[in-house]
């Protein structure tokens, strides 16, 4: 069962931690599911991978209606590299 821990995703320190995925693909799907809850209408602007201090992050930059952009940080250390 997929679980979301950590914070709101607003920064590295407040990254959303995704646990309980079986594969990297399932983990990426979980990122999008997390975003769709508060931001029903969004467009993916970019996706950036960052490795820092033995942690792996996905930073999704989304474009909201009206053009504002928002970064959402995910700690993907638990599932990164799983096939």
N, C-alpha and C. Protein backbone atom coordinates (compact mmCIF):
# COMPACT_ATOMS: atom_id res chain seq x y z
N UNK A 1 0.84 -1.18 0.00
CA UNK A 1 0.00 0.00 0.00
C UNK A 1 0.89 1.25 0.00
N UNK A 2 0.59 2.17 -0.89
CA UNK A 2 1.39 3.39 -1.00
C UNK A 2 1.04 4.35 0.12
N UNK A 3 2.08 4.91 0.71
CA UNK A 3 1.91 5.88 1.79
C UNK A 3 2.69 7.14 1.46
N UNK A 4 2.11 8.27 1.85
CA UNK A 4 2.77 9.56 1.70
C UNK A 4 3.14 10.06 3.09
N UNK A 5 4.42 10.25 3.31
CA UNK A 5 4.92 10.74 4.60
C UNK A 5 5.66 12.04 4.36
N UNK A 6 6.23 12.57 5.42
CA UNK A 6 7.02 13.80 5.28
C UNK A 6 6.13 15.01 5.29
N UNK A 7 6.42 15.95 4.39
CA UNK A 7 5.73 17.22 4.41
C UNK A 7 4.85 17.46 3.19
N UNK A 8 4.71 18.73 2.87
CA UNK A 8 3.82 19.16 1.80
C UNK A 8 4.48 19.15 0.42
N UNK A 9 5.81 19.02 0.39
CA UNK A 9 6.53 19.03 -0.88
C UNK A 9 6.99 20.41 -1.31
N UNK A 10 6.86 21.38 -0.44
CA UNK A 10 7.19 22.76 -0.81
C UNK A 10 8.69 23.05 -0.87
N UNK A 11 9.51 22.15 -0.31
CA UNK A 11 10.96 22.35 -0.33
C UNK A 11 11.66 21.01 -0.09
N UNK A 12 12.97 21.03 -0.20
CA UNK A 12 13.75 19.82 0.08
C UNK A 12 13.50 19.32 1.50
N UNK A 13 13.50 20.23 2.45
CA UNK A 13 13.30 19.86 3.85
C UNK A 13 11.88 19.39 4.12
N UNK A 14 10.94 19.76 3.27
CA UNK A 14 9.53 19.43 3.45
C UNK A 14 9.05 18.46 2.36
N UNK A 15 9.98 17.68 1.80
CA UNK A 15 9.67 16.79 0.69
C UNK A 15 8.64 15.73 1.08
N UNK A 16 7.83 15.35 0.12
CA UNK A 16 6.89 14.25 0.30
C UNK A 16 7.69 12.96 0.14
N UNK A 17 7.58 12.07 1.12
CA UNK A 17 8.27 10.78 1.07
C UNK A 17 7.24 9.75 0.62
N UNK A 18 7.56 9.06 -0.47
CA UNK A 18 6.65 8.04 -1.00
C UNK A 18 7.18 6.67 -0.59
N UNK A 19 6.34 5.89 0.10
CA UNK A 19 6.72 4.57 0.59
C UNK A 19 5.72 3.53 0.08
N UNK A 20 6.18 2.31 -0.03
CA UNK A 20 5.30 1.19 -0.32
C UNK A 20 5.06 0.90 -1.79
N UNK A 21 5.88 1.45 -2.67
CA UNK A 21 5.71 1.15 -4.09
C UNK A 21 6.50 -0.10 -4.45
N UNK A 22 6.06 -0.78 -5.49
CA UNK A 22 6.73 -2.00 -5.93
C UNK A 22 7.79 -1.74 -6.99
N UNK A 23 7.70 -0.57 -7.65
CA UNK A 23 8.63 -0.26 -8.72
C UNK A 23 8.77 1.25 -8.86
N UNK A 24 9.76 1.63 -9.65
CA UNK A 24 9.97 3.05 -9.92
C UNK A 24 8.78 3.63 -10.68
N UNK A 25 8.24 2.88 -11.62
CA UNK A 25 7.09 3.34 -12.38
C UNK A 25 5.89 3.60 -11.47
N UNK A 26 5.65 2.70 -10.55
CA UNK A 26 4.55 2.89 -9.60
C UNK A 26 4.80 4.11 -8.71
N UNK A 27 6.07 4.36 -8.37
CA UNK A 27 6.41 5.53 -7.58
C UNK A 27 6.14 6.83 -8.32
N UNK A 28 6.48 6.87 -9.61
CA UNK A 28 6.22 8.07 -10.41
C UNK A 28 4.71 8.28 -10.53
N UNK A 29 3.96 7.22 -10.73
CA UNK A 29 2.50 7.34 -10.76
C UNK A 29 1.98 7.93 -9.45
N UNK A 30 2.57 7.51 -8.34
CA UNK A 30 2.15 8.02 -7.03
C UNK A 30 2.43 9.52 -6.90
N UNK A 31 3.52 9.99 -7.51
CA UNK A 31 3.80 11.43 -7.50
C UNK A 31 2.66 12.20 -8.15
N UNK A 32 2.23 11.74 -9.31
CA UNK A 32 1.15 12.42 -10.04
C UNK A 32 -0.17 12.35 -9.27
N UNK A 33 -0.44 11.21 -8.65
CA UNK A 33 -1.66 11.09 -7.84
C UNK A 33 -1.63 12.08 -6.69
N UNK A 34 -0.48 12.24 -6.06
CA UNK A 34 -0.36 13.19 -4.95
C UNK A 34 -0.66 14.61 -5.43
N UNK A 35 -0.13 14.98 -6.58
CA UNK A 35 -0.31 16.34 -7.10
C UNK A 35 -1.76 16.59 -7.50
N UNK A 36 -2.43 15.59 -8.05
CA UNK A 36 -3.79 15.78 -8.55
C UNK A 36 -4.79 16.06 -7.43
N UNK A 37 -4.47 15.67 -6.22
CA UNK A 37 -5.41 15.92 -5.13
C UNK A 37 -5.60 17.42 -4.87
N UNK A 38 -4.54 18.18 -4.60
CA UNK A 38 -4.76 19.61 -4.37
C UNK A 38 -4.80 20.44 -5.65
N UNK A 39 -4.21 19.93 -6.72
CA UNK A 39 -4.11 20.70 -7.98
C UNK A 39 -4.74 19.90 -9.10
N UNK A 40 -6.05 19.90 -9.15
CA UNK A 40 -6.76 19.09 -10.14
C UNK A 40 -6.38 19.45 -11.57
N UNK A 41 -6.20 20.73 -11.83
CA UNK A 41 -5.86 21.19 -13.18
C UNK A 41 -4.45 21.76 -13.16
N UNK A 42 -3.52 21.01 -13.71
CA UNK A 42 -2.14 21.46 -13.78
C UNK A 42 -1.50 20.89 -15.03
N UNK A 43 -0.41 21.49 -15.41
CA UNK A 43 0.37 21.02 -16.54
C UNK A 43 1.80 20.82 -16.05
N UNK A 44 2.42 19.70 -16.38
CA UNK A 44 3.80 19.47 -15.99
C UNK A 44 4.70 20.39 -16.81
N UNK A 45 5.49 21.21 -16.15
CA UNK A 45 6.43 22.10 -16.82
C UNK A 45 7.79 21.42 -16.96
N UNK A 46 8.27 20.79 -15.87
CA UNK A 46 9.55 20.08 -15.92
C UNK A 46 9.63 19.08 -14.77
N UNK A 47 10.56 18.15 -14.92
CA UNK A 47 10.83 17.16 -13.89
C UNK A 47 12.35 17.06 -13.76
N UNK A 48 12.84 17.23 -12.54
CA UNK A 48 14.28 17.25 -12.29
C UNK A 48 14.64 16.21 -11.24
N UNK A 49 15.70 15.45 -11.51
CA UNK A 49 16.22 14.48 -10.54
C UNK A 49 17.40 15.12 -9.82
N UNK A 50 17.46 14.92 -8.49
CA UNK A 50 18.55 15.47 -7.68
C UNK A 50 18.96 14.42 -6.66
N UNK A 51 20.26 14.17 -6.56
CA UNK A 51 20.78 13.28 -5.53
C UNK A 51 21.62 14.11 -4.59
N UNK A 52 21.29 14.04 -3.30
CA UNK A 52 21.98 14.87 -2.32
C UNK A 52 22.03 14.14 -0.98
N UNK A 53 23.23 14.00 -0.44
CA UNK A 53 23.43 13.36 0.88
C UNK A 53 22.71 12.02 0.99
N UNK A 54 22.94 11.14 0.03
CA UNK A 54 22.37 9.79 -0.01
C UNK A 54 20.85 9.76 -0.15
N UNK A 55 20.24 10.87 -0.48
CA UNK A 55 18.81 10.90 -0.76
C UNK A 55 18.61 11.23 -2.23
N UNK A 56 17.53 10.72 -2.76
CA UNK A 56 17.19 10.97 -4.15
C UNK A 56 15.85 11.70 -4.20
N UNK A 57 15.82 12.75 -5.02
CA UNK A 57 14.63 13.59 -5.11
C UNK A 57 14.16 13.71 -6.55
N UNK A 58 12.87 13.82 -6.71
CA UNK A 58 12.24 14.23 -7.95
C UNK A 58 11.60 15.58 -7.63
N UNK A 59 11.88 16.57 -8.45
CA UNK A 59 11.27 17.88 -8.27
C UNK A 59 10.40 18.13 -9.49
N UNK A 60 9.10 18.14 -9.29
CA UNK A 60 8.16 18.37 -10.37
C UNK A 60 7.74 19.84 -10.33
N UNK A 61 7.98 20.54 -11.43
CA UNK A 61 7.52 21.92 -11.56
C UNK A 61 6.25 21.86 -12.37
N UNK A 62 5.17 22.35 -11.77
CA UNK A 62 3.88 22.33 -12.45
C UNK A 62 3.44 23.76 -12.75
N UNK A 63 2.65 23.87 -13.82
CA UNK A 63 2.06 25.15 -14.18
C UNK A 63 0.58 25.08 -13.85
N UNK A 64 0.12 26.04 -13.06
CA UNK A 64 -1.26 26.08 -12.63
C UNK A 64 -2.09 26.96 -13.58
N UNK A 65 -3.41 26.81 -13.54
CA UNK A 65 -4.23 27.71 -14.35
C UNK A 65 -3.87 29.17 -13.99
N UNK A 66 -3.74 30.00 -14.97
CA UNK A 66 -3.32 31.38 -14.74
C UNK A 66 -1.84 31.57 -14.96
N UNK A 67 -1.08 30.46 -15.09
CA UNK A 67 0.33 30.56 -15.44
C UNK A 67 1.33 30.46 -14.30
N UNK A 68 0.89 30.48 -13.04
CA UNK A 68 1.82 30.38 -11.91
C UNK A 68 2.49 29.01 -11.92
N UNK A 69 3.76 28.98 -11.52
CA UNK A 69 4.51 27.72 -11.44
C UNK A 69 4.80 27.38 -9.98
N UNK A 70 4.84 26.09 -9.71
CA UNK A 70 5.07 25.61 -8.34
C UNK A 70 5.95 24.37 -8.41
N UNK A 71 6.96 24.32 -7.53
CA UNK A 71 7.81 23.14 -7.40
C UNK A 71 7.25 22.24 -6.31
N UNK A 72 7.21 20.95 -6.59
CA UNK A 72 6.80 19.95 -5.60
C UNK A 72 7.93 18.95 -5.48
N UNK A 73 8.48 18.83 -4.27
CA UNK A 73 9.62 17.95 -3.99
C UNK A 73 9.13 16.60 -3.49
N UNK A 74 9.71 15.53 -4.05
CA UNK A 74 9.43 14.16 -3.62
C UNK A 74 10.74 13.48 -3.26
N UNK A 75 10.79 12.86 -2.09
CA UNK A 75 11.91 12.01 -1.71
C UNK A 75 11.60 10.63 -2.27
N UNK A 76 12.35 10.22 -3.29
CA UNK A 76 12.08 8.96 -3.99
C UNK A 76 13.10 7.88 -3.64
N UNK A 77 13.83 8.09 -2.56
CA UNK A 77 14.90 7.16 -2.16
C UNK A 77 14.39 5.74 -1.98
N UNK A 78 13.16 5.58 -1.53
CA UNK A 78 12.63 4.25 -1.24
C UNK A 78 12.42 3.42 -2.50
N UNK A 79 12.08 4.06 -3.62
CA UNK A 79 11.77 3.27 -4.82
C UNK A 79 12.70 3.53 -5.99
N UNK A 80 13.59 4.49 -5.90
CA UNK A 80 14.44 4.83 -7.03
C UNK A 80 15.29 3.62 -7.47
N UNK A 81 15.26 3.30 -8.76
CA UNK A 81 16.07 2.21 -9.30
C UNK A 81 15.40 0.85 -9.26
N UNK A 82 14.22 0.75 -8.68
CA UNK A 82 13.50 -0.54 -8.67
C UNK A 82 12.80 -0.75 -10.00
N UNK A 83 12.89 -1.94 -10.50
CA UNK A 83 12.25 -2.23 -11.79
C UNK A 83 10.91 -2.87 -11.63
